[in-house]
């Protein structure tokens, strides 16, 4: 039992170190030697858990994406009206992006650069399935515009990444009133 905890601790330390280095220096400036050093393990230890750097990055992406989706769908139930369900999900995503900054920054990098494998990105999309199902329900009920999920995401969730970036630079503070306005803008962008 104790050995399993140590294994998990080393793997977690490697994932955390990778997250830190990729966020602060970029994918190409995060060599395995630096990852190992920051994680406090021997470089060869990485290969006990991951085939190579790409496998490590892909694993980190799926781990963070799972954490993101767990947070995003907290309190959400399938039977809710579309707007109410979307509101719960949107506020959860806003909370995640604005409070779990390292993870949100990493996911944004993954969305904007080809650092993860395409198959892994497709697998990551499965974590958004409740939101995609909600939008489909909204389209069928003629509440949500008949647009692709990519466009709906671009107009509703993606702006949160921009707000996170400007908040991180201390250009703007997204207080409760601004969150309400941002949510209403997101809803107005996709509602019929």
N, C-alpha and C. Protein backbone atom coordinates (compact mmCIF):
# COMPACT_ATOMS: atom_id res chain seq x y z
N UNK A 1 0.83 -1.20 0.00
CA UNK A 1 0.00 0.00 0.00
C UNK A 1 0.88 1.26 0.00
N UNK A 2 1.88 1.28 0.85
CA UNK A 2 2.75 2.44 0.93
C UNK A 2 3.50 2.64 -0.38
N UNK A 3 3.91 1.55 -1.03
CA UNK A 3 4.62 1.65 -2.30
C UNK A 3 3.73 2.29 -3.37
N UNK A 4 2.45 1.94 -3.40
CA UNK A 4 1.53 2.53 -4.38
C UNK A 4 1.43 4.04 -4.16
N UNK A 5 1.39 4.48 -2.91
CA UNK A 5 1.34 5.91 -2.62
C UNK A 5 2.58 6.61 -3.16
N UNK A 6 3.76 6.00 -2.98
CA UNK A 6 4.99 6.60 -3.48
C UNK A 6 4.95 6.69 -5.00
N UNK A 7 4.46 5.65 -5.66
CA UNK A 7 4.36 5.66 -7.11
C UNK A 7 3.44 6.79 -7.55
N UNK A 8 2.30 6.91 -6.93
CA UNK A 8 1.36 7.98 -7.26
C UNK A 8 1.99 9.33 -6.99
N UNK A 9 2.71 9.46 -5.87
CA UNK A 9 3.35 10.72 -5.55
C UNK A 9 4.38 11.11 -6.61
N UNK A 10 5.19 10.17 -7.08
CA UNK A 10 6.19 10.47 -8.10
C UNK A 10 5.52 10.84 -9.42
N UNK A 11 4.50 10.10 -9.78
CA UNK A 11 3.80 10.39 -11.03
C UNK A 11 3.13 11.77 -10.93
N UNK A 12 2.51 12.05 -9.81
CA UNK A 12 1.88 13.35 -9.59
C UNK A 12 2.93 14.46 -9.61
N UNK A 13 4.06 14.22 -8.98
CA UNK A 13 5.15 15.21 -8.98
C UNK A 13 5.62 15.49 -10.40
N UNK A 14 5.71 14.45 -11.22
CA UNK A 14 6.12 14.63 -12.61
C UNK A 14 5.09 15.43 -13.40
N UNK A 15 3.82 15.13 -13.18
CA UNK A 15 2.76 15.87 -13.87
C UNK A 15 2.75 17.33 -13.43
N UNK A 16 2.90 17.57 -12.13
CA UNK A 16 2.92 18.94 -11.61
C UNK A 16 4.12 19.72 -12.15
N UNK A 17 5.29 19.07 -12.19
CA UNK A 17 6.49 19.73 -12.71
C UNK A 17 6.32 20.06 -14.19
N UNK A 18 5.73 19.16 -14.93
CA UNK A 18 5.50 19.41 -16.36
C UNK A 18 4.54 20.57 -16.54
N UNK A 19 3.48 20.60 -15.77
CA UNK A 19 2.52 21.71 -15.85
C UNK A 19 3.24 23.04 -15.59
N UNK A 20 4.03 23.09 -14.56
CA UNK A 20 4.76 24.30 -14.20
C UNK A 20 5.71 24.72 -15.32
N UNK A 21 6.51 23.81 -15.82
CA UNK A 21 7.50 24.16 -16.85
C UNK A 21 6.85 24.55 -18.17
N UNK A 22 5.85 23.81 -18.59
CA UNK A 22 5.19 24.13 -19.86
C UNK A 22 4.51 25.50 -19.77
N UNK A 23 3.86 25.77 -18.65
CA UNK A 23 3.19 27.07 -18.49
C UNK A 23 4.18 28.23 -18.46
N UNK A 24 5.32 28.02 -17.81
CA UNK A 24 6.26 29.12 -17.62
C UNK A 24 7.32 29.26 -18.71
N UNK A 25 7.59 28.16 -19.42
CA UNK A 25 8.67 28.21 -20.41
C UNK A 25 8.28 27.66 -21.78
N UNK A 26 7.10 27.07 -21.88
CA UNK A 26 6.67 26.49 -23.14
C UNK A 26 7.09 25.04 -23.26
N UNK A 27 6.44 24.36 -24.17
CA UNK A 27 6.65 22.92 -24.38
C UNK A 27 8.11 22.61 -24.73
N UNK A 28 8.67 23.36 -25.65
CA UNK A 28 10.02 23.05 -26.14
C UNK A 28 11.12 23.40 -25.15
N UNK A 29 10.80 24.24 -24.18
CA UNK A 29 11.80 24.60 -23.16
C UNK A 29 11.51 23.89 -21.85
N UNK A 30 10.89 22.73 -21.97
CA UNK A 30 10.61 21.90 -20.79
C UNK A 30 11.20 20.52 -21.03
N UNK A 31 12.54 20.42 -21.04
CA UNK A 31 13.16 19.11 -21.28
C UNK A 31 12.92 18.14 -20.13
N UNK A 32 13.01 16.88 -20.44
CA UNK A 32 12.79 15.83 -19.44
C UNK A 32 13.71 16.01 -18.24
N UNK A 33 14.94 16.45 -18.46
CA UNK A 33 15.88 16.62 -17.35
C UNK A 33 15.38 17.69 -16.37
N UNK A 34 14.83 18.78 -16.88
CA UNK A 34 14.28 19.83 -16.00
C UNK A 34 13.01 19.34 -15.30
N UNK A 35 12.20 18.59 -16.01
CA UNK A 35 10.98 18.04 -15.41
C UNK A 35 11.35 17.15 -14.24
N UNK A 36 12.33 16.25 -14.46
CA UNK A 36 12.76 15.33 -13.40
C UNK A 36 13.33 16.11 -12.22
N UNK A 37 14.16 17.11 -12.50
CA UNK A 37 14.78 17.88 -11.43
C UNK A 37 13.72 18.60 -10.60
N UNK A 38 12.78 19.25 -11.27
CA UNK A 38 11.72 19.96 -10.55
C UNK A 38 10.83 19.00 -9.75
N UNK A 39 10.63 17.80 -10.28
CA UNK A 39 9.81 16.80 -9.59
C UNK A 39 10.57 16.12 -8.46
N UNK A 40 11.89 16.29 -8.45
CA UNK A 40 12.71 15.67 -7.40
C UNK A 40 12.91 14.18 -7.61
N UNK A 41 12.99 13.77 -8.87
CA UNK A 41 13.22 12.35 -9.19
C UNK A 41 14.37 12.25 -10.18
N UNK A 42 14.91 11.06 -10.29
CA UNK A 42 15.96 10.80 -11.28
C UNK A 42 15.33 10.84 -12.68
N UNK A 43 16.05 11.34 -13.68
CA UNK A 43 15.49 11.40 -15.04
C UNK A 43 14.94 10.07 -15.55
N UNK A 44 15.59 8.98 -15.20
CA UNK A 44 15.13 7.67 -15.66
C UNK A 44 13.78 7.30 -15.07
N UNK A 45 13.42 7.89 -13.94
CA UNK A 45 12.14 7.59 -13.28
C UNK A 45 10.97 7.96 -14.18
N UNK A 46 11.13 9.00 -14.97
CA UNK A 46 10.05 9.43 -15.87
C UNK A 46 9.59 8.27 -16.75
N UNK A 47 10.55 7.49 -17.21
CA UNK A 47 10.25 6.43 -18.17
C UNK A 47 9.61 5.21 -17.52
N UNK A 48 9.50 5.22 -16.21
CA UNK A 48 8.73 4.17 -15.53
C UNK A 48 7.23 4.43 -15.68
N UNK A 49 6.87 5.70 -15.87
CA UNK A 49 5.47 6.11 -15.93
C UNK A 49 5.02 6.54 -17.33
N UNK A 50 5.96 7.03 -18.13
CA UNK A 50 5.61 7.58 -19.44
C UNK A 50 6.60 7.10 -20.49
N UNK A 51 6.10 6.83 -21.69
CA UNK A 51 6.97 6.34 -22.77
C UNK A 51 7.98 7.40 -23.20
N UNK A 52 7.52 8.65 -23.28
CA UNK A 52 8.35 9.74 -23.75
C UNK A 52 7.70 11.06 -23.34
N UNK A 53 8.26 12.15 -23.77
CA UNK A 53 7.74 13.46 -23.39
C UNK A 53 6.32 13.67 -23.92
N UNK A 54 6.06 13.21 -25.14
CA UNK A 54 4.72 13.37 -25.71
C UNK A 54 3.69 12.61 -24.88
N UNK A 55 4.03 11.41 -24.44
CA UNK A 55 3.13 10.62 -23.60
C UNK A 55 2.88 11.35 -22.28
N UNK A 56 3.92 11.97 -21.73
CA UNK A 56 3.79 12.74 -20.49
C UNK A 56 2.84 13.93 -20.69
N UNK A 57 3.03 14.67 -21.77
CA UNK A 57 2.17 15.82 -22.07
C UNK A 57 0.73 15.37 -22.29
N UNK A 58 0.55 14.30 -23.06
CA UNK A 58 -0.80 13.78 -23.32
C UNK A 58 -1.47 13.34 -22.02
N UNK A 59 -0.73 12.68 -21.15
CA UNK A 59 -1.28 12.24 -19.86
C UNK A 59 -1.66 13.43 -18.99
N UNK A 60 -0.80 14.44 -18.99
CA UNK A 60 -1.10 15.65 -18.23
C UNK A 60 -2.37 16.30 -18.76
N UNK A 61 -2.49 16.39 -20.06
CA UNK A 61 -3.69 16.99 -20.67
C UNK A 61 -4.95 16.26 -20.23
N UNK A 62 -4.94 14.94 -20.31
CA UNK A 62 -6.13 14.17 -19.94
C UNK A 62 -6.43 14.28 -18.44
N UNK A 63 -5.39 14.35 -17.63
CA UNK A 63 -5.58 14.52 -16.18
C UNK A 63 -6.21 15.87 -15.88
N UNK A 64 -5.69 16.92 -16.50
CA UNK A 64 -6.22 18.27 -16.27
C UNK A 64 -7.63 18.38 -16.85
N UNK A 65 -7.85 17.79 -18.01
CA UNK A 65 -9.17 17.85 -18.65
C UNK A 65 -10.21 17.15 -17.77
N UNK A 66 -9.83 16.04 -17.16
CA UNK A 66 -10.75 15.33 -16.26
C UNK A 66 -11.09 16.19 -15.04
N UNK A 67 -10.09 16.86 -14.49
CA UNK A 67 -10.31 17.76 -13.35
C UNK A 67 -11.22 18.91 -13.76
N UNK A 68 -10.97 19.45 -14.95
CA UNK A 68 -11.79 20.54 -15.49
C UNK A 68 -13.25 20.11 -15.63
N UNK A 69 -13.48 18.94 -16.21
CA UNK A 69 -14.87 18.51 -16.44
C UNK A 69 -15.57 18.18 -15.14
N UNK A 70 -14.84 17.62 -14.19
CA UNK A 70 -15.44 17.34 -12.88
C UNK A 70 -15.93 18.64 -12.25
N UNK A 71 -15.13 19.67 -12.37
CA UNK A 71 -15.50 20.98 -11.82
C UNK A 71 -16.63 21.61 -12.63
N UNK A 72 -16.54 21.50 -13.95
CA UNK A 72 -17.51 22.16 -14.84
C UNK A 72 -18.93 21.64 -14.65
N UNK A 73 -19.08 20.37 -14.32
CA UNK A 73 -20.41 19.78 -14.26
C UNK A 73 -20.91 19.54 -12.84
N UNK A 74 -20.24 20.16 -11.88
CA UNK A 74 -20.67 20.07 -10.48
C UNK A 74 -22.04 20.74 -10.34
N UNK A 75 -23.00 20.01 -9.81
CA UNK A 75 -24.34 20.57 -9.60
C UNK A 75 -25.23 20.55 -10.82
N UNK A 76 -24.71 20.08 -11.94
CA UNK A 76 -25.49 20.03 -13.18
C UNK A 76 -26.24 18.71 -13.27
N UNK A 77 -27.50 18.77 -13.72
CA UNK A 77 -28.31 17.56 -13.94
C UNK A 77 -28.93 17.65 -15.32
N UNK A 78 -29.04 16.50 -15.99
CA UNK A 78 -29.57 16.45 -17.36
C UNK A 78 -30.95 17.07 -17.52
N UNK A 79 -31.82 16.95 -16.55
CA UNK A 79 -33.20 17.39 -16.70
C UNK A 79 -33.43 18.89 -16.57
N UNK A 80 -32.40 19.64 -16.29
CA UNK A 80 -32.57 21.09 -16.10
C UNK A 80 -32.95 21.78 -17.41
N UNK A 81 -33.69 22.89 -17.32
CA UNK A 81 -33.93 23.68 -18.53
C UNK A 81 -32.58 24.11 -19.13
N UNK A 82 -32.55 24.30 -20.43
CA UNK A 82 -31.30 24.57 -21.14
C UNK A 82 -30.56 25.78 -20.57
N UNK A 83 -31.25 26.90 -20.41
CA UNK A 83 -30.55 28.10 -19.92
C UNK A 83 -30.00 27.88 -18.52
N UNK A 84 -30.78 27.28 -17.63
CA UNK A 84 -30.33 27.05 -16.26
C UNK A 84 -29.14 26.09 -16.24
N UNK A 85 -29.21 25.02 -17.03
CA UNK A 85 -28.10 24.08 -17.11
C UNK A 85 -26.84 24.75 -17.63
N UNK A 86 -27.01 25.55 -18.68
CA UNK A 86 -25.87 26.25 -19.25
C UNK A 86 -25.29 27.25 -18.25
N UNK A 87 -26.15 27.90 -17.50
CA UNK A 87 -25.68 28.86 -16.49
C UNK A 87 -24.82 28.17 -15.43
N UNK A 88 -25.27 27.03 -14.95
CA UNK A 88 -24.49 26.28 -13.95
C UNK A 88 -23.13 25.90 -14.53
N UNK A 89 -23.14 25.34 -15.72
CA UNK A 89 -21.89 24.91 -16.35
C UNK A 89 -20.97 26.11 -16.61
N UNK A 90 -21.53 27.19 -17.15
CA UNK A 90 -20.72 28.35 -17.49
C UNK A 90 -20.07 28.93 -16.24
N UNK A 91 -20.83 29.09 -15.16
CA UNK A 91 -20.26 29.64 -13.93
C UNK A 91 -19.20 28.71 -13.34
N UNK A 92 -19.43 27.40 -13.43
CA UNK A 92 -18.42 26.46 -12.96
C UNK A 92 -17.13 26.59 -13.78
N UNK A 93 -17.27 26.72 -15.10
CA UNK A 93 -16.10 26.88 -15.96
C UNK A 93 -15.40 28.19 -15.65
N UNK A 94 -16.16 29.24 -15.47
CA UNK A 94 -15.57 30.54 -15.11
C UNK A 94 -14.80 30.43 -13.80
N UNK A 95 -15.40 29.76 -12.82
CA UNK A 95 -14.74 29.57 -11.53
C UNK A 95 -13.43 28.80 -11.70
N UNK A 96 -13.48 27.75 -12.49
CA UNK A 96 -12.28 26.94 -12.73
C UNK A 96 -11.19 27.78 -13.40
N UNK A 97 -11.56 28.45 -14.48
CA UNK A 97 -10.56 29.21 -15.24
C UNK A 97 -9.98 30.37 -14.44
N UNK A 98 -10.75 30.95 -13.57
CA UNK A 98 -10.28 32.11 -12.82
C UNK A 98 -9.62 31.73 -11.49
N UNK A 99 -9.80 30.50 -11.05
CA UNK A 99 -9.22 30.09 -9.77
C UNK A 99 -8.22 28.96 -9.87
N UNK A 100 -8.26 28.20 -10.93
CA UNK A 100 -7.26 27.14 -11.16
C UNK A 100 -6.44 27.58 -12.37
N UNK A 101 -5.69 28.62 -12.13
CA UNK A 101 -5.03 29.34 -13.22
C UNK A 101 -3.99 28.49 -13.94
N UNK A 102 -3.19 27.74 -13.22
CA UNK A 102 -2.17 26.91 -13.88
C UNK A 102 -2.81 25.90 -14.82
N UNK A 103 -3.85 25.23 -14.32
CA UNK A 103 -4.52 24.23 -15.14
C UNK A 103 -5.22 24.87 -16.33
N UNK A 104 -5.88 25.98 -16.10
CA UNK A 104 -6.59 26.68 -17.18
C UNK A 104 -5.62 27.20 -18.24
N UNK A 105 -4.48 27.70 -17.80
CA UNK A 105 -3.47 28.19 -18.73
C UNK A 105 -2.96 27.04 -19.60
N UNK A 106 -2.71 25.90 -18.98
CA UNK A 106 -2.25 24.73 -19.73
C UNK A 106 -3.29 24.30 -20.75
N UNK A 107 -4.56 24.23 -20.35
CA UNK A 107 -5.61 23.83 -21.30
C UNK A 107 -5.71 24.82 -22.45
N UNK A 108 -5.55 26.10 -22.17
CA UNK A 108 -5.57 27.10 -23.24
C UNK A 108 -4.42 26.88 -24.21
N UNK A 109 -3.24 26.59 -23.68
CA UNK A 109 -2.11 26.30 -24.55
C UNK A 109 -2.40 25.09 -25.43
N UNK A 110 -3.02 24.09 -24.84
CA UNK A 110 -3.35 22.88 -25.61
C UNK A 110 -4.38 23.17 -26.69
N UNK A 111 -5.29 24.10 -26.41
CA UNK A 111 -6.30 24.48 -27.40
C UNK A 111 -5.69 25.28 -28.55
N UNK A 112 -4.62 26.01 -28.27
CA UNK A 112 -4.06 26.94 -29.25
C UNK A 112 -2.78 26.49 -29.92
N UNK A 113 -2.24 25.37 -29.51
CA UNK A 113 -1.00 24.87 -30.12
C UNK A 113 -1.14 23.36 -30.32
N UNK A 114 -0.34 22.81 -31.19
CA UNK A 114 -0.42 21.37 -31.44
C UNK A 114 0.45 20.54 -30.49
N UNK A 115 0.43 20.82 -29.19
CA UNK A 115 1.32 20.09 -28.28
C UNK A 115 0.76 18.74 -27.84
N UNK A 116 -0.51 18.51 -28.07
CA UNK A 116 -1.07 17.20 -27.74
C UNK A 116 -1.45 16.49 -29.03
N UNK A 117 -1.46 15.18 -28.98
CA UNK A 117 -1.82 14.40 -30.16
C UNK A 117 -3.30 14.59 -30.49
N UNK A 118 -3.63 14.50 -31.76
CA UNK A 118 -5.01 14.69 -32.22
C UNK A 118 -5.97 13.70 -31.57
N UNK A 119 -5.53 12.44 -31.46
CA UNK A 119 -6.39 11.42 -30.84
C UNK A 119 -6.66 11.76 -29.37
N UNK A 120 -5.68 12.32 -28.70
CA UNK A 120 -5.83 12.71 -27.30
C UNK A 120 -6.78 13.91 -27.19
N UNK A 121 -6.67 14.84 -28.12
CA UNK A 121 -7.58 15.98 -28.14
C UNK A 121 -9.02 15.50 -28.33
N UNK A 122 -9.22 14.53 -29.21
CA UNK A 122 -10.55 13.96 -29.43
C UNK A 122 -11.06 13.31 -28.14
N UNK A 123 -10.18 12.59 -27.46
CA UNK A 123 -10.57 11.96 -26.19
C UNK A 123 -10.92 13.02 -25.15
N UNK A 124 -10.19 14.13 -25.17
CA UNK A 124 -10.46 15.23 -24.25
C UNK A 124 -11.84 15.84 -24.47
N UNK A 125 -12.30 15.84 -25.73
CA UNK A 125 -13.62 16.37 -26.04
C UNK A 125 -14.73 15.59 -25.34
N UNK A 126 -14.49 14.31 -25.10
CA UNK A 126 -15.49 13.48 -24.41
C UNK A 126 -15.81 14.04 -23.02
N UNK A 127 -14.83 14.73 -22.45
CA UNK A 127 -15.05 15.31 -21.13
C UNK A 127 -16.07 16.45 -21.16
N UNK A 128 -16.34 16.97 -22.34
CA UNK A 128 -17.33 18.05 -22.48
C UNK A 128 -18.70 17.54 -22.91
N UNK A 129 -18.88 16.24 -22.96
CA UNK A 129 -20.10 15.67 -23.52
C UNK A 129 -21.40 16.20 -22.88
N UNK A 130 -21.48 16.37 -21.56
CA UNK A 130 -22.73 16.92 -21.02
C UNK A 130 -23.06 18.31 -21.59
N UNK A 131 -22.06 19.13 -21.81
CA UNK A 131 -22.29 20.46 -22.39
C UNK A 131 -22.74 20.32 -23.85
N UNK A 132 -22.09 19.44 -24.59
CA UNK A 132 -22.46 19.22 -25.99
C UNK A 132 -23.88 18.67 -26.08
N UNK A 133 -24.23 17.77 -25.17
CA UNK A 133 -25.60 17.23 -25.13
C UNK A 133 -26.62 18.33 -24.80
N UNK A 134 -26.25 19.21 -23.89
CA UNK A 134 -27.14 20.32 -23.52
C UNK A 134 -27.37 21.23 -24.72
N UNK A 135 -26.30 21.54 -25.44
CA UNK A 135 -26.46 22.38 -26.63
C UNK A 135 -27.33 21.69 -27.68
N UNK A 136 -27.18 20.39 -27.82
CA UNK A 136 -28.01 19.65 -28.77
C UNK A 136 -29.48 19.72 -28.36
N UNK A 137 -29.72 19.55 -27.06
CA UNK A 137 -31.08 19.69 -26.53
C UNK A 137 -31.61 21.10 -26.84
N UNK A 138 -30.78 22.10 -26.64
CA UNK A 138 -31.18 23.49 -26.91
C UNK A 138 -31.47 23.73 -28.38
N UNK A 139 -30.71 23.10 -29.26
CA UNK A 139 -30.98 23.24 -30.70
C UNK A 139 -32.31 22.59 -31.06
N UNK A 140 -32.56 21.39 -30.49
CA UNK A 140 -33.81 20.69 -30.77
C UNK A 140 -35.02 21.46 -30.26
N UNK A 141 -34.86 22.10 -29.11
CA UNK A 141 -35.95 22.89 -28.53
C UNK A 141 -36.02 24.29 -29.15
N UNK A 142 -35.15 24.55 -30.09
CA UNK A 142 -35.06 25.85 -30.77
C UNK A 142 -34.85 27.00 -29.79
N UNK A 143 -33.98 26.73 -28.82
CA UNK A 143 -33.57 27.73 -27.83
C UNK A 143 -32.16 28.22 -28.16
N UNK A 144 -31.34 27.29 -28.67
CA UNK A 144 -29.95 27.58 -29.00
C UNK A 144 -29.82 27.61 -30.52
N UNK A 145 -29.04 28.57 -31.02
CA UNK A 145 -28.84 28.71 -32.46
C UNK A 145 -28.31 27.41 -33.07
N UNK A 146 -28.73 27.10 -34.28
CA UNK A 146 -28.28 25.86 -34.94
C UNK A 146 -26.86 26.01 -35.50
N UNK A 147 -25.90 26.16 -34.60
CA UNK A 147 -24.50 26.33 -34.97
C UNK A 147 -23.70 25.12 -34.51
N UNK A 148 -22.51 24.95 -35.06
CA UNK A 148 -21.65 23.84 -34.63
C UNK A 148 -21.22 24.05 -33.18
N UNK A 149 -20.85 22.96 -32.54
CA UNK A 149 -20.37 23.03 -31.16
C UNK A 149 -19.13 23.91 -31.05
N UNK A 150 -18.30 23.91 -32.10
CA UNK A 150 -17.10 24.74 -32.08
C UNK A 150 -17.45 26.22 -32.01
N UNK A 151 -18.45 26.63 -32.78
CA UNK A 151 -18.85 28.03 -32.76
C UNK A 151 -19.49 28.37 -31.41
N UNK A 152 -20.34 27.48 -30.91
CA UNK A 152 -20.95 27.72 -29.60
C UNK A 152 -19.88 27.86 -28.51
N UNK A 153 -18.89 26.99 -28.54
CA UNK A 153 -17.79 27.03 -27.57
C UNK A 153 -17.00 28.34 -27.72
N UNK A 154 -16.75 28.72 -28.98
CA UNK A 154 -15.97 29.93 -29.24
C UNK A 154 -16.65 31.17 -28.68
N UNK A 155 -17.96 31.20 -28.72
CA UNK A 155 -18.69 32.39 -28.26
C UNK A 155 -19.07 32.35 -26.78
N UNK A 156 -18.97 31.20 -26.17
CA UNK A 156 -19.42 31.11 -24.77
C UNK A 156 -18.31 30.80 -23.78
N UNK A 157 -17.48 29.82 -24.07
CA UNK A 157 -16.46 29.38 -23.12
C UNK A 157 -15.10 30.01 -23.42
N UNK A 158 -14.75 30.09 -24.68
CA UNK A 158 -13.43 30.59 -25.04
C UNK A 158 -13.16 32.02 -24.54
N UNK A 159 -14.15 32.92 -24.54
CA UNK A 159 -13.88 34.26 -24.01
C UNK A 159 -13.38 34.26 -22.56
N UNK A 160 -13.70 33.22 -21.81
CA UNK A 160 -13.21 33.15 -20.44
C UNK A 160 -11.68 33.06 -20.39
N UNK A 161 -11.08 32.43 -21.39
CA UNK A 161 -9.62 32.36 -21.45
C UNK A 161 -9.02 33.76 -21.63
N UNK A 162 -9.67 34.57 -22.46
CA UNK A 162 -9.22 35.94 -22.64
C UNK A 162 -9.36 36.73 -21.34
N UNK A 163 -10.50 36.57 -20.68
CA UNK A 163 -10.71 37.29 -19.41
C UNK A 163 -9.71 36.85 -18.36
N UNK A 164 -9.38 35.55 -18.34
CA UNK A 164 -8.35 35.05 -17.43
C UNK A 164 -7.02 35.73 -17.73
N UNK A 165 -6.66 35.82 -18.99
CA UNK A 165 -5.38 36.41 -19.37
C UNK A 165 -5.29 37.87 -18.96
N UNK A 166 -6.34 38.63 -19.20
CA UNK A 166 -6.26 40.05 -18.84
C UNK A 166 -6.35 40.25 -17.33
N UNK A 167 -7.03 39.33 -16.63
CA UNK A 167 -7.07 39.42 -15.17
C UNK A 167 -5.69 39.10 -14.60
N UNK A 168 -5.01 38.12 -15.19
CA UNK A 168 -3.67 37.76 -14.74
C UNK A 168 -2.69 38.92 -14.90
N UNK A 169 -2.91 39.75 -15.90
CA UNK A 169 -2.04 40.91 -16.14
C UNK A 169 -2.50 42.13 -15.35
N UNK A 170 -3.52 41.94 -14.52
CA UNK A 170 -4.09 43.01 -13.69
C UNK A 170 -4.65 44.17 -14.51
N UNK A 171 -5.14 43.88 -15.70
CA UNK A 171 -5.79 44.90 -16.52
C UNK A 171 -7.26 45.05 -16.16
N UNK A 172 -7.82 43.99 -15.60
CA UNK A 172 -9.27 43.96 -15.40
C UNK A 172 -9.57 42.94 -14.31
N UNK A 173 -10.54 43.23 -13.49
CA UNK A 173 -10.95 42.29 -12.44
C UNK A 173 -12.37 41.84 -12.74
N UNK A 174 -12.54 40.55 -12.87
CA UNK A 174 -13.85 40.00 -13.18
C UNK A 174 -14.60 39.74 -11.86
N UNK A 175 -15.25 40.77 -11.35
CA UNK A 175 -16.01 40.63 -10.11
C UNK A 175 -17.37 39.98 -10.41
N UNK A 176 -18.20 39.83 -9.39
CA UNK A 176 -19.48 39.14 -9.57
C UNK A 176 -20.38 39.83 -10.59
N UNK A 177 -20.42 41.15 -10.55
CA UNK A 177 -21.25 41.88 -11.50
C UNK A 177 -20.77 41.65 -12.94
N UNK A 178 -19.45 41.68 -13.13
CA UNK A 178 -18.90 41.47 -14.46
C UNK A 178 -19.10 40.03 -14.93
N UNK A 179 -19.05 39.09 -13.98
CA UNK A 179 -19.33 37.69 -14.34
C UNK A 179 -20.76 37.55 -14.84
N UNK A 180 -21.70 38.21 -14.15
CA UNK A 180 -23.10 38.15 -14.59
C UNK A 180 -23.25 38.72 -15.99
N UNK A 181 -22.59 39.83 -16.25
CA UNK A 181 -22.65 40.44 -17.58
C UNK A 181 -21.98 39.55 -18.62
N UNK A 182 -20.87 38.93 -18.25
CA UNK A 182 -20.18 38.03 -19.18
C UNK A 182 -21.05 36.81 -19.48
N UNK A 183 -21.71 36.26 -18.44
CA UNK A 183 -22.61 35.13 -18.69
C UNK A 183 -23.74 35.55 -19.62
N UNK A 184 -24.36 36.69 -19.34
CA UNK A 184 -25.48 37.14 -20.18
C UNK A 184 -25.03 37.35 -21.62
N UNK A 185 -23.84 37.86 -21.81
CA UNK A 185 -23.29 38.03 -23.16
C UNK A 185 -23.10 36.68 -23.84
N UNK A 186 -22.60 35.70 -23.09
CA UNK A 186 -22.41 34.35 -23.65
C UNK A 186 -23.74 33.75 -24.03
N UNK A 187 -24.73 33.88 -23.17
CA UNK A 187 -26.06 33.32 -23.45
C UNK A 187 -26.68 34.04 -24.65
N UNK A 188 -26.59 35.37 -24.66
CA UNK A 188 -27.16 36.14 -25.77
C UNK A 188 -26.52 35.76 -27.10
N UNK A 189 -25.25 35.35 -27.07
CA UNK A 189 -24.54 35.00 -28.30
C UNK A 189 -25.07 33.72 -28.93
N UNK A 190 -25.67 32.83 -28.12
CA UNK A 190 -26.07 31.54 -28.68
C UNK A 190 -27.58 31.30 -28.66
N UNK A 191 -28.31 32.09 -27.90
CA UNK A 191 -29.77 31.86 -27.83
C UNK A 191 -30.45 32.36 -29.10
N UNK A 192 -31.55 31.74 -29.40
CA UNK A 192 -32.34 32.17 -30.57
C UNK A 192 -33.19 33.35 -30.18
